Amino acid sequence: MKDFFKKHWLRIMGVLTGILVGYLYYHYVGCVSGTCPITSNPYRMMIYGALVGYLLFDLFSGDKKPKKVEEISENNFREND
C-alpha cells in the first residue's frame, strides 16, 4: 500500500485538488437556478473537478510508457534478423 501511494502520489493530489476546486467553483460560481446540469449540484461538480484534476496532474507524472513500446519493437526487430 505504501508503494502505491509513493508511485501515484501526484495523481492522488490531483484528484483531491480537483475535488476542492470543484466544490469551491460550485459554491462561488455555480448555477443557482438549477438549469445547469453540472454546476448546480455540488457532488457532480466535485466528481467533474476530480476527473479534470486527475487528468491535469497525470500530464506531469513521471511515467514514460512509450519506452515500453520501443523495447518491444526493438526485440521484434532483433528476432527478424
N, C-alpha and C. Protein backbone atom coordinates (compact mmCIF):
# COMPACT_ATOMS: atom_id res chain seq x y z
N MET A 1 0.83 -1.19 0.00
CA MET A 1 0.00 0.00 0.00
C MET A 1 0.87 1.26 0.00
N LYS A 2 1.97 1.20 0.73
CA LYS A 2 2.86 2.34 0.80
C LYS A 2 3.51 2.61 -0.57
N ASP A 3 3.83 1.53 -1.29
CA ASP A 3 4.41 1.68 -2.62
C ASP A 3 3.41 2.30 -3.59
N PHE A 4 2.14 1.94 -3.43
CA PHE A 4 1.09 2.50 -4.29
C PHE A 4 1.03 4.02 -4.13
N PHE A 5 1.06 4.50 -2.87
CA PHE A 5 1.00 5.94 -2.64
C PHE A 5 2.26 6.64 -3.12
N LYS A 6 3.40 5.97 -3.00
CA LYS A 6 4.64 6.56 -3.49
C LYS A 6 4.63 6.70 -5.01
N LYS A 7 4.05 5.70 -5.67
CA LYS A 7 4.05 5.70 -7.13
C LYS A 7 3.01 6.66 -7.70
N HIS A 8 1.86 6.79 -7.05
CA HIS A 8 0.75 7.57 -7.59
C HIS A 8 0.42 8.81 -6.77
N TRP A 9 1.35 9.34 -6.02
CA TRP A 9 1.04 10.46 -5.13
C TRP A 9 0.60 11.71 -5.91
N LEU A 10 1.18 11.92 -7.08
CA LEU A 10 0.83 13.12 -7.84
C LEU A 10 -0.60 13.03 -8.36
N ARG A 11 -1.01 11.86 -8.82
CA ARG A 11 -2.38 11.68 -9.30
C ARG A 11 -3.39 11.81 -8.15
N ILE A 12 -3.04 11.27 -7.00
CA ILE A 12 -3.93 11.37 -5.83
C ILE A 12 -4.09 12.83 -5.42
N MET A 13 -3.01 13.57 -5.44
CA MET A 13 -3.09 15.00 -5.12
C MET A 13 -3.92 15.74 -6.18
N GLY A 14 -3.85 15.31 -7.42
CA GLY A 14 -4.65 15.91 -8.47
C GLY A 14 -6.14 15.69 -8.24
N VAL A 15 -6.50 14.47 -7.81
CA VAL A 15 -7.91 14.18 -7.52
C VAL A 15 -8.39 15.01 -6.34
N LEU A 16 -7.60 15.08 -5.28
CA LEU A 16 -8.00 15.85 -4.10
C LEU A 16 -8.09 17.35 -4.41
N THR A 17 -7.14 17.85 -5.17
CA THR A 17 -7.19 19.26 -5.57
C THR A 17 -8.41 19.53 -6.45
N GLY A 18 -8.70 18.61 -7.35
CA GLY A 18 -9.86 18.76 -8.22
C GLY A 18 -11.17 18.77 -7.45
N ILE A 19 -11.27 17.90 -6.43
CA ILE A 19 -12.47 17.88 -5.59
C ILE A 19 -12.65 19.22 -4.88
N LEU A 20 -11.56 19.73 -4.32
CA LEU A 20 -11.64 21.01 -3.62
C LEU A 20 -12.00 22.15 -4.57
N VAL A 21 -11.35 22.20 -5.71
CA VAL A 21 -11.63 23.27 -6.67
C VAL A 21 -13.05 23.13 -7.22
N GLY A 22 -13.50 21.90 -7.44
CA GLY A 22 -14.86 21.69 -7.92
C GLY A 22 -15.90 22.19 -6.92
N TYR A 23 -15.68 21.92 -5.65
CA TYR A 23 -16.62 22.41 -4.64
C TYR A 23 -16.58 23.93 -4.54
N LEU A 24 -15.38 24.50 -4.56
CA LEU A 24 -15.27 25.96 -4.49
C LEU A 24 -15.92 26.62 -5.71
N TYR A 25 -15.78 26.01 -6.86
CA TYR A 25 -16.44 26.55 -8.05
C TYR A 25 -17.96 26.49 -7.89
N TYR A 26 -18.47 25.37 -7.38
CA TYR A 26 -19.91 25.25 -7.14
C TYR A 26 -20.38 26.32 -6.15
N HIS A 27 -19.62 26.50 -5.08
CA HIS A 27 -20.03 27.41 -4.01
C HIS A 27 -20.03 28.87 -4.46
N TYR A 28 -18.99 29.28 -5.18
CA TYR A 28 -18.86 30.70 -5.52
C TYR A 28 -19.40 31.06 -6.90
N VAL A 29 -19.42 30.13 -7.84
CA VAL A 29 -19.81 30.46 -9.21
C VAL A 29 -21.03 29.68 -9.66
N GLY A 30 -21.29 28.54 -9.07
CA GLY A 30 -22.31 27.60 -9.54
C GLY A 30 -23.65 28.21 -9.90
N CYS A 31 -24.42 27.45 -10.62
CA CYS A 31 -25.70 27.88 -11.15
C CYS A 31 -26.76 27.81 -10.05
N VAL A 32 -27.41 28.92 -9.74
CA VAL A 32 -28.39 28.99 -8.67
C VAL A 32 -29.75 28.47 -9.13
N SER A 33 -30.07 28.67 -10.39
CA SER A 33 -31.41 28.32 -10.88
C SER A 33 -31.61 26.81 -11.03
N GLY A 34 -30.54 26.04 -11.09
CA GLY A 34 -30.66 24.61 -11.22
C GLY A 34 -30.77 24.13 -12.65
N THR A 35 -30.63 25.02 -13.61
CA THR A 35 -30.74 24.62 -15.01
C THR A 35 -29.41 24.11 -15.57
N CYS A 36 -28.32 24.37 -14.89
CA CYS A 36 -27.01 23.89 -15.35
C CYS A 36 -26.81 22.47 -14.81
N PRO A 37 -26.63 21.48 -15.65
CA PRO A 37 -26.60 20.10 -15.17
C PRO A 37 -25.39 19.77 -14.30
N ILE A 38 -24.25 20.39 -14.52
CA ILE A 38 -23.06 20.04 -13.74
C ILE A 38 -22.89 20.96 -12.55
N THR A 39 -22.94 22.26 -12.76
CA THR A 39 -22.60 23.21 -11.70
C THR A 39 -23.72 23.44 -10.70
N SER A 40 -24.92 22.93 -10.92
CA SER A 40 -25.99 23.15 -9.96
C SER A 40 -25.98 22.12 -8.83
N ASN A 41 -25.19 21.06 -8.96
CA ASN A 41 -25.12 20.00 -7.96
C ASN A 41 -23.68 19.91 -7.45
N PRO A 42 -23.45 20.04 -6.13
CA PRO A 42 -22.07 20.03 -5.64
C PRO A 42 -21.37 18.69 -5.87
N TYR A 43 -22.10 17.58 -5.80
CA TYR A 43 -21.46 16.28 -5.98
C TYR A 43 -20.99 16.07 -7.41
N ARG A 44 -21.82 16.47 -8.36
CA ARG A 44 -21.42 16.36 -9.75
C ARG A 44 -20.21 17.25 -10.05
N MET A 45 -20.23 18.43 -9.48
CA MET A 45 -19.12 19.35 -9.72
C MET A 45 -17.83 18.83 -9.10
N MET A 46 -17.93 18.20 -7.94
CA MET A 46 -16.74 17.64 -7.30
C MET A 46 -16.20 16.45 -8.09
N ILE A 47 -17.08 15.62 -8.65
CA ILE A 47 -16.63 14.49 -9.47
C ILE A 47 -15.98 15.01 -10.75
N TYR A 48 -16.59 16.00 -11.36
CA TYR A 48 -16.02 16.60 -12.56
C TYR A 48 -14.66 17.22 -12.25
N GLY A 49 -14.56 17.91 -11.13
CA GLY A 49 -13.28 18.51 -10.72
C GLY A 49 -12.23 17.46 -10.45
N ALA A 50 -12.62 16.34 -9.83
CA ALA A 50 -11.68 15.26 -9.56
C ALA A 50 -11.15 14.67 -10.86
N LEU A 51 -12.03 14.49 -11.84
CA LEU A 51 -11.62 13.95 -13.13
C LEU A 51 -10.65 14.90 -13.84
N VAL A 52 -10.99 16.16 -13.86
CA VAL A 52 -10.12 17.15 -14.51
C VAL A 52 -8.79 17.26 -13.76
N GLY A 53 -8.83 17.24 -12.43
CA GLY A 53 -7.60 17.29 -11.64
C GLY A 53 -6.71 16.09 -11.89
N TYR A 54 -7.31 14.91 -11.98
CA TYR A 54 -6.53 13.70 -12.26
C TYR A 54 -5.86 13.80 -13.63
N LEU A 55 -6.63 14.19 -14.63
CA LEU A 55 -6.08 14.28 -15.98
C LEU A 55 -5.00 15.34 -16.08
N LEU A 56 -5.21 16.46 -15.41
CA LEU A 56 -4.22 17.54 -15.45
C LEU A 56 -2.93 17.15 -14.74
N PHE A 57 -3.03 16.57 -13.55
CA PHE A 57 -1.84 16.20 -12.82
C PHE A 57 -1.16 14.97 -13.43
N ASP A 58 -1.91 14.15 -14.16
CA ASP A 58 -1.32 12.99 -14.82
C ASP A 58 -0.37 13.41 -15.94
N LEU A 59 -0.58 14.59 -16.50
CA LEU A 59 0.34 15.08 -17.52
C LEU A 59 1.75 15.25 -16.97
N PHE A 60 1.86 15.54 -15.67
CA PHE A 60 3.16 15.82 -15.07
C PHE A 60 3.75 14.62 -14.33
N SER A 61 3.10 13.46 -14.42
CA SER A 61 3.65 12.28 -13.76
C SER A 61 4.87 11.79 -14.52
N GLY A 62 5.73 11.07 -13.87
CA GLY A 62 7.00 10.65 -14.46
C GLY A 62 6.94 9.37 -15.25
N ASP A 63 5.78 8.79 -15.47
CA ASP A 63 5.70 7.54 -16.21
C ASP A 63 5.99 7.78 -17.69
N LYS A 64 6.86 6.97 -18.22
CA LYS A 64 7.21 7.07 -19.64
C LYS A 64 6.80 5.77 -20.33
N LYS A 65 5.56 5.66 -20.72
CA LYS A 65 5.05 4.43 -21.31
C LYS A 65 5.52 4.18 -22.75
N PRO A 66 5.80 5.19 -23.55
CA PRO A 66 6.27 4.90 -24.90
C PRO A 66 7.58 4.11 -24.94
N LYS A 67 8.41 4.16 -23.90
CA LYS A 67 9.65 3.40 -23.87
C LYS A 67 9.38 1.91 -23.95
N LYS A 68 8.30 1.44 -23.34
CA LYS A 68 7.96 0.02 -23.41
C LYS A 68 7.65 -0.38 -24.84
N VAL A 69 7.00 0.50 -25.57
CA VAL A 69 6.67 0.21 -26.97
C VAL A 69 7.96 0.13 -27.78
N GLU A 70 8.92 0.99 -27.52
CA GLU A 70 10.19 0.96 -28.22
C GLU A 70 10.94 -0.33 -27.93
N GLU A 71 10.94 -0.78 -26.66
CA GLU A 71 11.62 -2.01 -26.29
C GLU A 71 11.01 -3.20 -27.02
N ILE A 72 9.70 -3.24 -27.10
CA ILE A 72 9.04 -4.35 -27.78
C ILE A 72 9.37 -4.33 -29.26
N SER A 73 9.36 -3.17 -29.89
CA SER A 73 9.65 -3.10 -31.31
C SER A 73 11.12 -3.44 -31.58
N GLU A 74 12.04 -3.08 -30.70
CA GLU A 74 13.45 -3.45 -30.87
C GLU A 74 13.64 -4.95 -30.74
N ASN A 75 12.93 -5.58 -29.80
CA ASN A 75 13.03 -7.02 -29.65
C ASN A 75 12.50 -7.73 -30.88
N ASN A 76 11.41 -7.26 -31.45
CA ASN A 76 10.87 -7.85 -32.66
C ASN A 76 11.81 -7.67 -33.85
N PHE A 77 12.48 -6.55 -33.90
CA PHE A 77 13.42 -6.29 -34.98
C PHE A 77 14.61 -7.24 -34.88
N ARG A 78 15.10 -7.47 -33.68
CA ARG A 78 16.23 -8.39 -33.48
C ARG A 78 15.86 -9.83 -33.80
N GLU A 79 14.62 -10.22 -33.51
CA GLU A 79 14.19 -11.58 -33.80
C GLU A 79 14.09 -11.82 -35.30
N ASN A 80 13.79 -10.79 -36.06
CA ASN A 80 13.65 -10.93 -37.51
C ASN A 80 14.99 -11.00 -38.23
N ASP A 81 16.06 -10.60 -37.56
CA ASP A 81 17.41 -10.63 -38.21
C ASP A 81 17.93 -12.03 -38.32
